[in-house]
Structure formats: structure tokens, C-alpha cells
């Protein structure tokens, strides 16, 4: 269910704030750190089958959704694969979606928690603790 270009709501009720440029991403991350919010940053694309599996099977898990409600959820939509998207991937050392990055309340990435590719809900929950 897509509510608008700016947000993306999942069947679990989770709402991701959508960004599509590095400037929007920087602003969203800065804003989260000012508000002392932990962030889940989801690299997503419409053509990415694994991204859809994460939404359907992992983010829809009740326990996962419950914990994620405490996070600021930001999704970078890489469907168009622009030069800006490529720059963002390079900045984070990624090859493409799916990738999920976590940031603490100070805006620092918790690199050890990175999720690349599909991860089942039970394993994903371990990353959230």
C-alpha cells in the first residue's frame, strides 16, 4: 500500500518515510538524531524481489513490527537507480538493495547490525535487540 511518494505504508501498519536523494537522506538522518531517534534505513526498489520478501515476511512479523514502531523508519527508493542513488550506495559501501542499516540516537551507524539480502524475522529480531 503506497500512501504517497513521501511515505510507504506496509500491511503491518509500519510507515516508512521515503527519500530519494542524498540531501533528503542527510536531512532525515540529521532530524532523527536531533530528536534522539534510532533509525532503520531501508534500501528498497520496486524491481527488488528480496525487498518485497522482507516487507511481506519479515517486517510483517508482529514482534518485528512492534519493535520497529520505536524506530524512525526511512526508506530510500532506488527504483530509478539515479546517479544520486549510486553515490549513496558508494557512500555506504553497498552494491544495491536490499540493504538495511541501523543508526543510533546520535546518528552513528551500527555497522555490525547491517542486513544485506533477505533475513527471516527470528534472525532479524536478534539485530533489533
N, C-alpha and C. Protein backbone atom coordinates (compact mmCIF):
# COMPACT_ATOMS: atom_id res chain seq x y z
N UNK A 1 0.86 -1.18 0.00
CA UNK A 1 0.00 0.00 0.00
C UNK A 1 0.90 1.23 0.00
N UNK A 2 0.80 2.05 -0.99
CA UNK A 2 1.63 3.25 -1.03
C UNK A 2 0.74 4.47 -0.81
N UNK A 3 0.96 5.18 0.30
CA UNK A 3 0.09 6.30 0.61
C UNK A 3 0.45 7.53 -0.22
N UNK A 4 1.73 7.75 -0.47
CA UNK A 4 2.18 8.86 -1.31
C UNK A 4 3.63 8.62 -1.66
N UNK A 5 4.21 9.55 -2.39
CA UNK A 5 5.62 9.42 -2.72
C UNK A 5 6.50 9.63 -1.49
N UNK A 6 5.95 10.27 -0.47
CA UNK A 6 6.75 10.62 0.70
C UNK A 6 6.72 9.56 1.79
N UNK A 7 5.69 8.70 1.75
CA UNK A 7 5.63 7.63 2.75
C UNK A 7 5.25 6.33 2.06
N UNK A 8 5.55 5.26 2.73
CA UNK A 8 5.25 3.93 2.20
C UNK A 8 4.74 3.11 3.38
N UNK A 9 3.44 2.77 3.36
CA UNK A 9 2.86 2.03 4.48
C UNK A 9 2.78 0.55 4.15
N UNK A 10 3.22 -0.27 5.10
CA UNK A 10 3.19 -1.71 4.93
C UNK A 10 1.90 -2.27 5.53
N UNK A 11 1.59 -3.51 5.18
CA UNK A 11 0.37 -4.15 5.70
C UNK A 11 0.42 -4.27 7.22
N UNK A 12 1.64 -4.29 7.79
CA UNK A 12 1.78 -4.41 9.25
C UNK A 12 1.48 -3.09 9.95
N UNK A 13 1.23 -2.03 9.16
CA UNK A 13 0.94 -0.73 9.76
C UNK A 13 2.18 0.15 9.88
N UNK A 14 3.36 -0.42 9.66
CA UNK A 14 4.58 0.38 9.73
C UNK A 14 4.59 1.38 8.57
N UNK A 15 5.05 2.58 8.86
CA UNK A 15 5.11 3.61 7.82
C UNK A 15 6.56 4.06 7.65
N UNK A 16 7.05 3.90 6.45
CA UNK A 16 8.41 4.35 6.12
C UNK A 16 8.34 5.73 5.50
N UNK A 17 9.23 6.59 5.93
CA UNK A 17 9.39 7.91 5.31
C UNK A 17 10.26 7.67 4.08
N UNK A 18 9.79 8.09 2.92
CA UNK A 18 10.53 7.83 1.67
C UNK A 18 11.42 9.01 1.30
N UNK A 19 12.67 8.72 1.00
CA UNK A 19 13.58 9.73 0.48
C UNK A 19 14.15 9.21 -0.83
N UNK A 20 14.55 10.14 -1.72
CA UNK A 20 15.11 9.65 -2.98
C UNK A 20 16.39 10.37 -3.39
N UNK A 21 16.85 11.33 -2.55
CA UNK A 21 18.12 11.99 -2.87
C UNK A 21 19.02 11.97 -1.63
N UNK A 22 20.31 12.19 -1.86
CA UNK A 22 21.23 12.19 -0.71
C UNK A 22 20.94 13.37 0.22
N UNK A 23 20.47 14.50 -0.34
CA UNK A 23 20.13 15.66 0.50
C UNK A 23 18.96 15.32 1.43
N UNK A 24 17.92 14.66 0.87
CA UNK A 24 16.77 14.25 1.69
C UNK A 24 17.20 13.26 2.77
N UNK A 25 18.08 12.34 2.39
CA UNK A 25 18.56 11.33 3.34
C UNK A 25 19.33 12.00 4.48
N UNK A 26 20.23 12.91 4.13
CA UNK A 26 21.01 13.62 5.14
C UNK A 26 20.10 14.38 6.09
N UNK A 27 19.09 15.08 5.54
CA UNK A 27 18.14 15.82 6.38
C UNK A 27 17.38 14.89 7.31
N UNK A 28 16.90 13.76 6.78
CA UNK A 28 16.12 12.82 7.59
C UNK A 28 16.97 12.24 8.72
N UNK A 29 18.22 11.88 8.41
CA UNK A 29 19.11 11.32 9.44
C UNK A 29 19.46 12.37 10.49
N UNK A 30 19.69 13.60 10.04
CA UNK A 30 20.01 14.70 10.97
C UNK A 30 18.83 14.95 11.90
N UNK A 31 17.64 15.00 11.32
CA UNK A 31 16.42 15.25 12.06
C UNK A 31 16.20 14.15 13.12
N UNK A 32 16.45 12.90 12.74
CA UNK A 32 16.29 11.78 13.68
C UNK A 32 17.26 11.92 14.84
N UNK A 33 18.49 12.31 14.54
CA UNK A 33 19.49 12.42 15.61
C UNK A 33 19.18 13.60 16.53
N UNK A 34 18.65 14.71 15.98
CA UNK A 34 18.22 15.85 16.80
C UNK A 34 17.10 15.40 17.75
N UNK A 35 16.22 14.54 17.24
CA UNK A 35 15.10 14.04 18.05
C UNK A 35 15.45 12.78 18.83
N UNK A 36 16.74 12.41 18.83
CA UNK A 36 17.25 11.25 19.57
C UNK A 36 16.48 9.97 19.23
N UNK A 37 16.29 9.75 17.92
CA UNK A 37 15.58 8.56 17.47
C UNK A 37 16.56 7.57 16.83
N UNK A 38 16.36 6.30 17.13
CA UNK A 38 17.10 5.26 16.41
C UNK A 38 16.48 5.18 15.02
N UNK A 39 17.31 4.84 14.03
CA UNK A 39 16.83 4.81 12.65
C UNK A 39 17.08 3.44 12.02
N UNK A 40 16.07 2.99 11.27
CA UNK A 40 16.26 1.85 10.37
C UNK A 40 16.19 2.45 8.98
N UNK A 41 17.27 2.30 8.22
CA UNK A 41 17.33 2.81 6.85
C UNK A 41 17.25 1.62 5.90
N UNK A 42 16.18 1.61 5.11
CA UNK A 42 15.91 0.50 4.20
C UNK A 42 16.19 0.93 2.76
N UNK A 43 17.13 0.25 2.11
CA UNK A 43 17.40 0.50 0.68
C UNK A 43 16.46 -0.42 -0.09
N UNK A 44 15.55 0.18 -0.87
CA UNK A 44 14.44 -0.53 -1.50
C UNK A 44 14.34 -0.17 -2.98
N UNK A 45 13.83 -1.11 -3.78
CA UNK A 45 13.50 -0.81 -5.18
C UNK A 45 12.30 -1.68 -5.58
N UNK A 46 11.43 -1.13 -6.43
CA UNK A 46 10.25 -1.86 -6.87
C UNK A 46 10.61 -3.16 -7.59
N UNK A 47 11.76 -3.17 -8.27
CA UNK A 47 12.17 -4.36 -9.03
C UNK A 47 12.91 -5.37 -8.17
N UNK A 48 13.10 -5.05 -6.90
CA UNK A 48 13.88 -5.91 -5.99
C UNK A 48 12.95 -6.93 -5.30
N UNK A 49 12.99 -8.17 -5.77
CA UNK A 49 12.12 -9.23 -5.23
C UNK A 49 12.41 -9.45 -3.75
N UNK A 50 13.68 -9.46 -3.38
CA UNK A 50 14.05 -9.69 -1.98
C UNK A 50 13.52 -8.58 -1.07
N UNK A 51 13.47 -7.34 -1.59
CA UNK A 51 12.92 -6.22 -0.80
C UNK A 51 11.46 -6.51 -0.46
N UNK A 52 10.73 -7.00 -1.45
CA UNK A 52 9.31 -7.31 -1.24
C UNK A 52 9.15 -8.48 -0.25
N UNK A 53 10.06 -9.45 -0.31
CA UNK A 53 10.03 -10.56 0.65
C UNK A 53 10.26 -10.06 2.07
N UNK A 54 11.19 -9.10 2.23
CA UNK A 54 11.43 -8.53 3.56
C UNK A 54 10.16 -7.88 4.08
N UNK A 55 9.45 -7.14 3.20
CA UNK A 55 8.21 -6.48 3.61
C UNK A 55 7.15 -7.49 4.00
N UNK A 56 6.98 -8.51 3.15
CA UNK A 56 5.91 -9.49 3.36
C UNK A 56 6.18 -10.45 4.50
N UNK A 57 7.43 -10.90 4.64
CA UNK A 57 7.72 -11.96 5.59
C UNK A 57 8.39 -11.50 6.87
N UNK A 58 9.20 -10.46 6.81
CA UNK A 58 9.96 -10.05 7.99
C UNK A 58 9.33 -8.85 8.69
N UNK A 59 9.11 -7.76 7.94
CA UNK A 59 8.53 -6.56 8.56
C UNK A 59 7.10 -6.78 9.00
N UNK A 60 6.43 -7.80 8.45
CA UNK A 60 5.04 -8.06 8.82
C UNK A 60 4.94 -8.91 10.10
N UNK A 61 6.07 -9.47 10.54
CA UNK A 61 6.08 -10.26 11.78
C UNK A 61 5.69 -9.34 12.94
N UNK A 62 4.77 -9.83 13.80
CA UNK A 62 4.24 -8.98 14.88
C UNK A 62 5.32 -8.46 15.81
N UNK A 63 6.24 -9.32 16.22
CA UNK A 63 7.31 -8.90 17.13
C UNK A 63 8.21 -7.86 16.47
N UNK A 64 8.57 -8.12 15.22
CA UNK A 64 9.43 -7.19 14.46
C UNK A 64 8.72 -5.84 14.36
N UNK A 65 7.46 -5.86 13.92
CA UNK A 65 6.70 -4.62 13.75
C UNK A 65 6.60 -3.84 15.06
N UNK A 66 6.39 -4.56 16.16
CA UNK A 66 6.26 -3.91 17.47
C UNK A 66 7.54 -3.15 17.82
N UNK A 67 8.69 -3.78 17.63
CA UNK A 67 9.97 -3.12 17.94
C UNK A 67 10.24 -1.99 16.95
N UNK A 68 9.93 -2.21 15.68
CA UNK A 68 10.21 -1.18 14.67
C UNK A 68 9.38 0.08 14.87
N UNK A 69 8.26 -0.03 15.56
CA UNK A 69 7.44 1.16 15.84
C UNK A 69 8.21 2.15 16.71
N UNK A 70 9.28 1.69 17.39
CA UNK A 70 10.09 2.58 18.23
C UNK A 70 11.20 3.25 17.41
N UNK A 71 11.35 2.87 16.16
CA UNK A 71 12.39 3.42 15.29
C UNK A 71 11.80 4.47 14.35
N UNK A 72 12.66 5.35 13.88
CA UNK A 72 12.29 6.20 12.74
C UNK A 72 12.61 5.36 11.51
N UNK A 73 11.63 5.09 10.69
CA UNK A 73 11.80 4.22 9.53
C UNK A 73 11.98 5.07 8.28
N UNK A 74 13.14 4.95 7.67
CA UNK A 74 13.43 5.72 6.46
C UNK A 74 13.73 4.73 5.34
N UNK A 75 13.11 4.97 4.21
CA UNK A 75 13.31 4.08 3.07
C UNK A 75 13.81 4.90 1.89
N UNK A 76 14.94 4.46 1.33
CA UNK A 76 15.43 5.13 0.13
C UNK A 76 15.00 4.30 -1.06
N UNK A 77 14.15 4.90 -1.88
CA UNK A 77 13.59 4.19 -3.03
C UNK A 77 14.57 4.30 -4.20
N UNK A 78 15.23 3.19 -4.51
CA UNK A 78 16.28 3.17 -5.53
C UNK A 78 15.76 2.63 -6.86
N UNK A 79 14.45 2.59 -7.03
CA UNK A 79 13.84 2.01 -8.23
C UNK A 79 14.42 2.62 -9.51
N UNK A 80 14.60 3.94 -9.52
CA UNK A 80 15.08 4.61 -10.74
C UNK A 80 16.58 4.51 -10.93
N UNK A 81 17.30 4.11 -9.87
CA UNK A 81 18.75 3.89 -9.93
C UNK A 81 19.48 5.09 -10.55
N UNK A 82 19.27 6.27 -9.98
CA UNK A 82 19.87 7.50 -10.49
C UNK A 82 21.34 7.61 -10.08
N UNK A 83 22.02 8.61 -10.60
CA UNK A 83 23.42 8.87 -10.23
C UNK A 83 23.51 9.16 -8.72
N UNK A 84 22.50 9.87 -8.20
CA UNK A 84 22.46 10.17 -6.77
C UNK A 84 22.34 8.87 -5.97
N UNK A 85 21.51 7.95 -6.44
CA UNK A 85 21.37 6.65 -5.77
C UNK A 85 22.71 5.93 -5.75
N UNK A 86 23.40 5.95 -6.88
CA UNK A 86 24.71 5.30 -6.97
C UNK A 86 25.70 5.92 -5.98
N UNK A 87 25.64 7.24 -5.84
CA UNK A 87 26.51 7.94 -4.90
C UNK A 87 26.22 7.53 -3.45
N UNK A 88 24.93 7.38 -3.14
CA UNK A 88 24.53 6.97 -1.78
C UNK A 88 25.03 5.54 -1.51
N UNK A 89 24.85 4.65 -2.48
CA UNK A 89 25.33 3.27 -2.32
C UNK A 89 26.84 3.28 -2.06
N UNK A 90 27.56 4.07 -2.83
CA UNK A 90 29.01 4.15 -2.70
C UNK A 90 29.38 4.69 -1.31
N UNK A 91 28.66 5.72 -0.87
CA UNK A 91 28.91 6.34 0.44
C UNK A 91 28.84 5.29 1.56
N UNK A 92 27.90 4.36 1.43
CA UNK A 92 27.72 3.35 2.47
C UNK A 92 28.40 2.01 2.11
N UNK A 93 29.08 1.98 0.98
CA UNK A 93 29.79 0.76 0.59
C UNK A 93 28.86 -0.38 0.23
N UNK A 94 27.73 -0.05 -0.42
CA UNK A 94 26.74 -1.06 -0.78
C UNK A 94 26.70 -1.26 -2.29
N UNK A 95 26.22 -2.44 -2.71
CA UNK A 95 26.09 -2.73 -4.14
C UNK A 95 24.70 -2.41 -4.65
N UNK A 96 23.71 -2.45 -3.76
CA UNK A 96 22.33 -2.18 -4.17
C UNK A 96 21.38 -2.76 -3.14
N UNK A 97 20.10 -2.59 -3.40
CA UNK A 97 19.11 -3.15 -2.47
C UNK A 97 19.03 -4.66 -2.63
N UNK A 98 18.55 -5.39 -1.65
CA UNK A 98 18.10 -4.89 -0.36
C UNK A 98 19.27 -4.74 0.61
N UNK A 99 19.21 -3.69 1.39
CA UNK A 99 20.18 -3.48 2.46
C UNK A 99 19.46 -2.68 3.54
N UNK A 100 19.73 -3.04 4.78
CA UNK A 100 19.12 -2.34 5.91
C UNK A 100 20.24 -1.91 6.85
N UNK A 101 20.26 -0.62 7.14
CA UNK A 101 21.27 -0.07 8.03
C UNK A 101 20.57 0.48 9.27
N UNK A 102 21.26 0.39 10.40
CA UNK A 102 20.72 0.90 11.66
C UNK A 102 21.60 2.04 12.16
N UNK A 103 20.96 3.09 12.69
CA UNK A 103 21.68 4.21 13.26
C UNK A 103 21.18 4.41 14.69
N UNK A 104 22.10 4.77 15.60
CA UNK A 104 21.69 5.01 16.99
C UNK A 104 21.15 6.43 17.14
N UNK A 105 20.80 6.79 18.37
CA UNK A 105 20.17 8.09 18.65
C UNK A 105 21.11 9.26 18.34
N UNK A 106 22.42 8.99 18.26
CA UNK A 106 23.39 10.04 17.95
C UNK A 106 23.64 10.15 16.44
N UNK A 107 22.97 9.28 15.67
CA UNK A 107 23.14 9.33 14.22
C UNK A 107 24.32 8.52 13.71
N UNK A 108 24.91 7.69 14.58
CA UNK A 108 26.03 6.85 14.17
C UNK A 108 25.52 5.51 13.66
N UNK A 109 26.06 5.07 12.52
CA UNK A 109 25.62 3.77 12.02
C UNK A 109 26.19 2.66 12.89
N UNK A 110 25.34 1.68 13.20
CA UNK A 110 25.78 0.49 13.93
C UNK A 110 26.10 -0.57 12.86
N UNK A 111 27.32 -0.50 12.33
CA UNK A 111 27.72 -1.34 11.19
C UNK A 111 27.54 -2.83 11.43
N UNK A 112 27.74 -3.27 12.65
CA UNK A 112 27.65 -4.70 12.94
C UNK A 112 26.23 -5.24 12.77
N UNK A 113 25.25 -4.35 12.73
CA UNK A 113 23.85 -4.78 12.61
C UNK A 113 23.34 -4.77 11.17
N UNK A 114 24.18 -4.37 10.22
CA UNK A 114 23.74 -4.31 8.82
C UNK A 114 23.11 -5.62 8.35
N UNK A 115 22.06 -5.48 7.55
CA UNK A 115 21.41 -6.65 6.95
C UNK A 115 21.49 -6.46 5.44
N UNK A 116 22.15 -7.41 4.78
CA UNK A 116 22.26 -7.37 3.33
C UNK A 116 21.52 -8.60 2.82
N UNK A 117 20.52 -8.39 1.95
CA UNK A 117 19.74 -9.52 1.46
C UNK A 117 18.61 -9.86 2.40
N UNK A 118 17.95 -10.97 2.14
CA UNK A 118 16.79 -11.38 2.92
C UNK A 118 17.20 -11.94 4.27
N UNK A 119 16.43 -11.62 5.30
CA UNK A 119 16.66 -12.21 6.62
C UNK A 119 15.31 -12.54 7.23
N UNK A 120 15.18 -13.77 7.72
CA UNK A 120 13.93 -14.18 8.36
C UNK A 120 13.69 -13.38 9.64
N UNK A 121 12.42 -13.30 10.02
CA UNK A 121 12.02 -12.50 11.18
C UNK A 121 12.77 -12.86 12.45
N UNK A 122 12.93 -14.16 12.74
CA UNK A 122 13.59 -14.54 14.00
C UNK A 122 15.03 -14.06 14.06
N UNK A 123 15.75 -14.15 12.96
CA UNK A 123 17.13 -13.65 12.92
C UNK A 123 17.15 -12.13 12.95
N UNK A 124 16.19 -11.51 12.26
CA UNK A 124 16.11 -10.06 12.21
C UNK A 124 15.86 -9.50 13.62
N UNK A 125 15.02 -10.18 14.38
CA UNK A 125 14.73 -9.75 15.76
C UNK A 125 16.00 -9.65 16.59
N UNK A 126 16.95 -10.56 16.37
CA UNK A 126 18.21 -10.53 17.11
C UNK A 126 18.96 -9.22 16.83
N UNK A 127 18.85 -8.70 15.61
CA UNK A 127 19.51 -7.45 15.24
C UNK A 127 18.87 -6.26 15.98
N UNK A 128 17.59 -6.41 16.31
CA UNK A 128 16.85 -5.30 16.90
C UNK A 128 17.07 -5.20 18.41
N UNK A 129 17.69 -6.23 18.98
CA UNK A 129 17.84 -6.23 20.45
C UNK A 129 19.15 -5.61 20.88
